[in-house]
Every structure is written in C-alpha cells, then in structure tokens.
Amino acid sequence: MLSTNPPLLPVSLLVAHGGALTGHWEFDLAIALVFFAIISYSFLLPADAPRGFGRAVIYGITVVCFIGALVLAVMGFRSVALGQ
C-alpha cells in the first residue's frame, strides 16, 4: 500500500505572490531595499568618505532606498490585509 492520503490539489501549492523569502514580492523587495540603504550609508562611515556633492549623492541614494522600502512595506501590508 503506497499511501492513504489523497493527492495534493494544485491550488494548495500556490504561493501568495511568489516571493522567495517571505511569500510576498513586496516584502522581499522592501528587505532588499533596506539592505541597499544600509550598504550605501556605510560608504559615509570611513574617514576618507566623500565630501560635498558625493556625500549628497550617497545620502540621496540612502533616502530613496529607505522611502522605497517603506512604500513597498505598506503595499505588502495592504495586500495581506485585503487577503490577496
């Protein structure tokens, strides 16, 4: 006797949005953007960090990545709340 369990339905194997880490692509991308914000900000920590325009560019990249992560997190929570 092989098994007494019924076979799995194909619908039960679907992931919510197809994200690799959390199951939702919004949360996966938000985690990646926070990681990129931390990496870009780390370029300002050494003693020989850029001054002037270079520093402003690094701050800009950090802020854009962080705001993008917040927007994607809100989109992810919205999709979870709506049950999508």
N, C-alpha and C. Protein backbone atom coordinates (compact mmCIF):
# COMPACT_ATOMS: atom_id res chain seq x y z
N MET A 1 0.84 -1.16 0.00
CA MET A 1 0.00 0.00 0.00
C MET A 1 0.89 1.24 0.00
N LEU A 2 0.70 2.11 -0.97
CA LEU A 2 1.57 3.27 -1.09
C LEU A 2 1.22 4.37 -0.09
N SER A 3 -0.01 4.85 -0.17
CA SER A 3 -0.39 5.93 0.73
C SER A 3 -1.91 5.99 0.84
N THR A 4 -2.36 6.38 1.99
CA THR A 4 -3.80 6.54 2.18
C THR A 4 -4.22 7.99 2.08
N ASN A 5 -3.25 8.91 1.96
CA ASN A 5 -3.56 10.33 1.85
C ASN A 5 -3.98 10.67 0.43
N PRO A 6 -4.96 11.53 0.26
CA PRO A 6 -5.34 11.94 -1.09
C PRO A 6 -4.24 12.82 -1.70
N PRO A 7 -4.15 12.84 -3.02
CA PRO A 7 -3.11 13.68 -3.65
C PRO A 7 -3.38 15.16 -3.40
N LEU A 8 -2.31 15.95 -3.40
CA LEU A 8 -2.45 17.39 -3.18
C LEU A 8 -3.07 18.04 -4.40
N LEU A 9 -3.94 18.98 -4.15
CA LEU A 9 -4.52 19.74 -5.25
C LEU A 9 -3.51 20.79 -5.73
N PRO A 10 -3.48 21.11 -7.01
CA PRO A 10 -2.52 22.12 -7.49
C PRO A 10 -2.74 23.49 -6.85
N VAL A 11 -3.96 23.79 -6.44
CA VAL A 11 -4.25 25.08 -5.83
C VAL A 11 -3.56 25.22 -4.48
N SER A 12 -3.38 24.14 -3.76
CA SER A 12 -2.77 24.21 -2.44
C SER A 12 -1.27 24.48 -2.51
N LEU A 13 -0.65 24.38 -3.67
CA LEU A 13 0.77 24.60 -3.79
C LEU A 13 1.12 26.02 -4.21
N LEU A 14 0.12 26.86 -4.47
CA LEU A 14 0.38 28.23 -4.89
C LEU A 14 0.87 29.06 -3.72
N VAL A 15 1.83 29.94 -4.00
CA VAL A 15 2.34 30.87 -3.01
C VAL A 15 1.59 32.19 -3.22
N ALA A 16 1.46 32.99 -2.18
CA ALA A 16 0.63 34.20 -2.22
C ALA A 16 0.98 35.10 -3.40
N HIS A 17 2.20 35.57 -3.47
CA HIS A 17 2.60 36.45 -4.57
C HIS A 17 3.86 35.95 -5.26
N GLY A 18 4.42 34.89 -4.81
CA GLY A 18 5.60 34.35 -5.46
C GLY A 18 6.92 34.88 -4.92
N GLY A 19 6.94 35.48 -3.77
CA GLY A 19 8.20 35.95 -3.20
C GLY A 19 9.03 34.78 -2.71
N ALA A 20 10.33 34.90 -2.85
CA ALA A 20 11.22 33.80 -2.48
C ALA A 20 11.46 33.72 -0.98
N LEU A 21 11.50 34.85 -0.30
CA LEU A 21 11.87 34.86 1.11
C LEU A 21 10.64 34.85 2.02
N THR A 22 9.68 35.72 1.74
CA THR A 22 8.54 35.86 2.63
C THR A 22 7.23 35.38 2.02
N GLY A 23 7.20 35.13 0.74
CA GLY A 23 5.97 34.74 0.06
C GLY A 23 5.27 35.90 -0.59
N HIS A 24 5.71 37.10 -0.32
CA HIS A 24 5.16 38.30 -0.94
C HIS A 24 6.32 39.09 -1.55
N TRP A 25 6.23 39.39 -2.84
CA TRP A 25 7.33 40.07 -3.51
C TRP A 25 7.55 41.47 -2.94
N GLU A 26 6.49 42.09 -2.40
CA GLU A 26 6.64 43.43 -1.84
C GLU A 26 7.57 43.41 -0.62
N PHE A 27 7.37 42.44 0.26
CA PHE A 27 8.21 42.35 1.45
C PHE A 27 9.64 41.97 1.08
N ASP A 28 9.80 41.07 0.11
CA ASP A 28 11.15 40.69 -0.32
C ASP A 28 11.91 41.89 -0.87
N LEU A 29 11.25 42.69 -1.69
CA LEU A 29 11.89 43.86 -2.27
C LEU A 29 12.15 44.93 -1.21
N ALA A 30 11.25 45.06 -0.24
CA ALA A 30 11.46 46.02 0.84
C ALA A 30 12.68 45.64 1.68
N ILE A 31 12.84 44.35 1.97
CA ILE A 31 14.02 43.89 2.71
C ILE A 31 15.29 44.17 1.92
N ALA A 32 15.25 43.93 0.61
CA ALA A 32 16.42 44.21 -0.23
C ALA A 32 16.74 45.70 -0.26
N LEU A 33 15.72 46.55 -0.32
CA LEU A 33 15.97 48.00 -0.35
C LEU A 33 16.54 48.50 0.98
N VAL A 34 16.09 47.95 2.09
CA VAL A 34 16.69 48.32 3.38
C VAL A 34 18.15 47.89 3.40
N PHE A 35 18.44 46.72 2.88
CA PHE A 35 19.82 46.25 2.79
C PHE A 35 20.67 47.19 1.93
N PHE A 36 20.12 47.63 0.78
CA PHE A 36 20.85 48.56 -0.09
C PHE A 36 21.03 49.92 0.57
N ALA A 37 20.04 50.37 1.36
CA ALA A 37 20.18 51.64 2.08
C ALA A 37 21.30 51.55 3.11
N ILE A 38 21.39 50.44 3.80
CA ILE A 38 22.46 50.27 4.79
C ILE A 38 23.82 50.23 4.11
N ILE A 39 23.90 49.53 2.99
CA ILE A 39 25.17 49.46 2.27
C ILE A 39 25.58 50.83 1.75
N SER A 40 24.64 51.57 1.16
CA SER A 40 25.01 52.89 0.63
C SER A 40 25.39 53.85 1.75
N TYR A 41 24.71 53.77 2.90
CA TYR A 41 25.07 54.64 4.02
C TYR A 41 26.44 54.27 4.58
N SER A 42 26.83 53.02 4.47
CA SER A 42 28.11 52.60 5.02
C SER A 42 29.29 53.23 4.28
N PHE A 43 29.06 53.75 3.08
CA PHE A 43 30.14 54.44 2.37
C PHE A 43 30.49 55.78 3.02
N LEU A 44 29.64 56.30 3.92
CA LEU A 44 29.91 57.56 4.61
C LEU A 44 30.65 57.36 5.92
N LEU A 45 30.83 56.13 6.35
CA LEU A 45 31.43 55.88 7.66
C LEU A 45 32.95 55.98 7.71
N PRO A 46 33.70 55.60 6.67
CA PRO A 46 35.15 55.68 6.80
C PRO A 46 35.65 57.13 6.89
N ALA A 47 36.89 57.28 7.35
CA ALA A 47 37.47 58.61 7.49
C ALA A 47 37.66 59.30 6.14
N ASP A 48 37.86 58.53 5.08
CA ASP A 48 38.07 59.13 3.76
C ASP A 48 36.78 59.15 2.93
N ALA A 49 35.65 59.31 3.60
CA ALA A 49 34.36 59.38 2.91
C ALA A 49 34.31 60.63 2.04
N PRO A 50 33.54 60.58 0.96
CA PRO A 50 33.49 61.74 0.07
C PRO A 50 32.87 62.96 0.75
N ARG A 51 33.25 64.12 0.25
CA ARG A 51 32.73 65.39 0.77
C ARG A 51 31.93 66.08 -0.32
N GLY A 52 31.09 66.99 0.07
CA GLY A 52 30.37 67.83 -0.87
C GLY A 52 29.31 67.08 -1.65
N PHE A 53 29.39 67.14 -2.99
CA PHE A 53 28.37 66.56 -3.85
C PHE A 53 28.31 65.04 -3.71
N GLY A 54 29.44 64.38 -3.55
CA GLY A 54 29.46 62.92 -3.38
C GLY A 54 28.70 62.48 -2.14
N ARG A 55 28.85 63.23 -1.07
CA ARG A 55 28.12 62.92 0.17
C ARG A 55 26.62 63.11 -0.04
N ALA A 56 26.24 64.16 -0.76
CA ALA A 56 24.82 64.40 -1.03
C ALA A 56 24.22 63.30 -1.89
N VAL A 57 24.99 62.80 -2.85
CA VAL A 57 24.51 61.70 -3.70
C VAL A 57 24.31 60.44 -2.86
N ILE A 58 25.23 60.15 -1.97
CA ILE A 58 25.10 58.95 -1.13
C ILE A 58 23.91 59.09 -0.19
N TYR A 59 23.73 60.27 0.41
CA TYR A 59 22.55 60.49 1.24
C TYR A 59 21.27 60.33 0.42
N GLY A 60 21.27 60.84 -0.79
CA GLY A 60 20.10 60.73 -1.66
C GLY A 60 19.75 59.29 -1.98
N ILE A 61 20.75 58.49 -2.30
CA ILE A 61 20.53 57.08 -2.60
C ILE A 61 19.98 56.36 -1.37
N THR A 62 20.54 56.68 -0.21
CA THR A 62 20.08 56.06 1.04
C THR A 62 18.62 56.41 1.32
N VAL A 63 18.28 57.68 1.17
CA VAL A 63 16.91 58.11 1.45
C VAL A 63 15.92 57.50 0.46
N VAL A 64 16.29 57.47 -0.83
CA VAL A 64 15.40 56.90 -1.84
C VAL A 64 15.18 55.41 -1.58
N CYS A 65 16.22 54.67 -1.23
CA CYS A 65 16.07 53.24 -0.93
C CYS A 65 15.19 53.03 0.29
N PHE A 66 15.39 53.85 1.32
CA PHE A 66 14.60 53.68 2.54
C PHE A 66 13.14 54.04 2.32
N ILE A 67 12.87 55.12 1.60
CA ILE A 67 11.48 55.50 1.31
C ILE A 67 10.82 54.44 0.41
N GLY A 68 11.56 53.92 -0.55
CA GLY A 68 11.03 52.84 -1.38
C GLY A 68 10.69 51.60 -0.57
N ALA A 69 11.53 51.30 0.42
CA ALA A 69 11.24 50.15 1.29
C ALA A 69 9.97 50.39 2.10
N LEU A 70 9.78 51.61 2.58
CA LEU A 70 8.57 51.92 3.34
C LEU A 70 7.33 51.81 2.46
N VAL A 71 7.41 52.31 1.23
CA VAL A 71 6.27 52.23 0.32
C VAL A 71 5.94 50.78 0.00
N LEU A 72 6.96 49.97 -0.27
CA LEU A 72 6.72 48.56 -0.57
C LEU A 72 6.18 47.81 0.64
N ALA A 73 6.62 48.17 1.83
CA ALA A 73 6.09 47.52 3.04
C ALA A 73 4.61 47.87 3.21
N VAL A 74 4.23 49.11 2.95
CA VAL A 74 2.82 49.50 3.04
C VAL A 74 2.00 48.75 2.00
N MET A 75 2.53 48.63 0.78
CA MET A 75 1.83 47.86 -0.25
C MET A 75 1.67 46.40 0.17
N GLY A 76 2.71 45.83 0.78
CA GLY A 76 2.64 44.45 1.23
C GLY A 76 1.62 44.25 2.33
N PHE A 77 1.61 45.16 3.31
CA PHE A 77 0.62 45.06 4.38
C PHE A 77 -0.79 45.25 3.84
N ARG A 78 -0.94 46.10 2.85
CA ARG A 78 -2.26 46.31 2.24
C ARG A 78 -2.74 45.04 1.55
N SER A 79 -1.83 44.38 0.82
CA SER A 79 -2.24 43.15 0.13
C SER A 79 -2.54 42.03 1.12
N VAL A 80 -1.82 42.00 2.24
CA VAL A 80 -2.10 40.99 3.26
C VAL A 80 -3.45 41.29 3.92
N ALA A 81 -3.72 42.56 4.19
CA ALA A 81 -4.98 42.93 4.83
C ALA A 81 -6.18 42.64 3.93
N LEU A 82 -6.00 42.80 2.62
CA LEU A 82 -7.08 42.54 1.68
C LEU A 82 -7.21 41.06 1.35
N GLY A 83 -6.26 40.27 1.81
CA GLY A 83 -6.31 38.83 1.58
C GLY A 83 -5.93 38.41 0.18
N GLN A 84 -5.07 39.16 -0.45
CA GLN A 84 -4.67 38.83 -1.82
C GLN A 84 -3.46 37.95 -1.83
